Each structure stands twice: as structure tokens, then as C-alpha cells.
């Protein structure tokens, strides 16, 4: 995966991020971006506020990264620490890859790096969750060592739950 990087969100890539975001279309399905429905990301000031929020302390503590190649934002990924209800529902790691960049191993590459960060942060195992009907994400999680636990109904819908042993 030459020239691929996981970088902290930055206003420097605002246009590239917006292109990535636009490719998904409307809706909340870009877990790794940390985008909230009230984030205003079209103006430079709004985008700067969004990036600042991602860098600020969170509950649960979260480390947001963008998947970037040659200045193009290909997706986002987040590592969430702790054992909050949010983590229990959505997992320690959430990610999304823009539609045009899928099926190239980017999600597996990024997930592998974030699982290393999770191990370095002291986690012994990581919970990974995807929509029950997202079989591509389920295969990515399994490739990275995910062991299926169950399908569970949460507020956002039916999810598949996997555990990855880190130590």
C-alpha cells in the first residue's frame, strides 16, 4: 500500500475531505469521520470547527485518522478507548472507505494499523461492530482476526459483533 497514510484530520485537506464525503451522498454512514448531523463542513470556518472538535478530548477518548493517498482522502477510521455504552454499541474501531476506493484492501490496511494503536494503548482485545447486512465489512474484520460473537439489535439497527485479541 505504497504512499498510503493515516493522518490526523487537518484543514489542509478540506477540499479532498469534502470530495470524499460527497461521494457517499446524504446520510450518516461514515463512522470513521466522526461527523455529527449538526456539523457544518461546507464553509472553511465550519470545517475548521469540525477538525478542532475531532482533535479535542472526547468521551469516549477517540483517535480520528483519515486514510490518505497522494493528498486524496479515501476514508476515515477512529479508535475509541474505554468501555462506555457508546463503545459497547459501536465498537472500539469504526471506519469507512469511500465507494470508489473500496475492494482494494484499504479498510484491512487501515484497520490493521488502528488495531496496533489499540494494542499500544493498552487494550487486550478490541470490539469491532458492523451493520448486520454489511458482509464486506464483516469479511474485513475477519481478515484482521475478528471472531464473531453475535448479531445484536441496537438503536441504529442490527449489528454484527466481533472481538479481536490484541495480546
Foldseek 3Di string as FASTA:
>chain_A
DPQKDWAQDDLVLLVLVVVLVPLVPDDPDQVLLPDDPPQDSPDSVSVVVSSVVQVDADVQGKGKTFTDGPSHTFWIKMAGDDDDVVCVVAKRMDMDGRPVPPPPCSLLVVVLVVLVVVVVVPDQKIKHKDAPPPVVVVVSCVVSAWDWDDWDQDPVGIMTITMHGSD
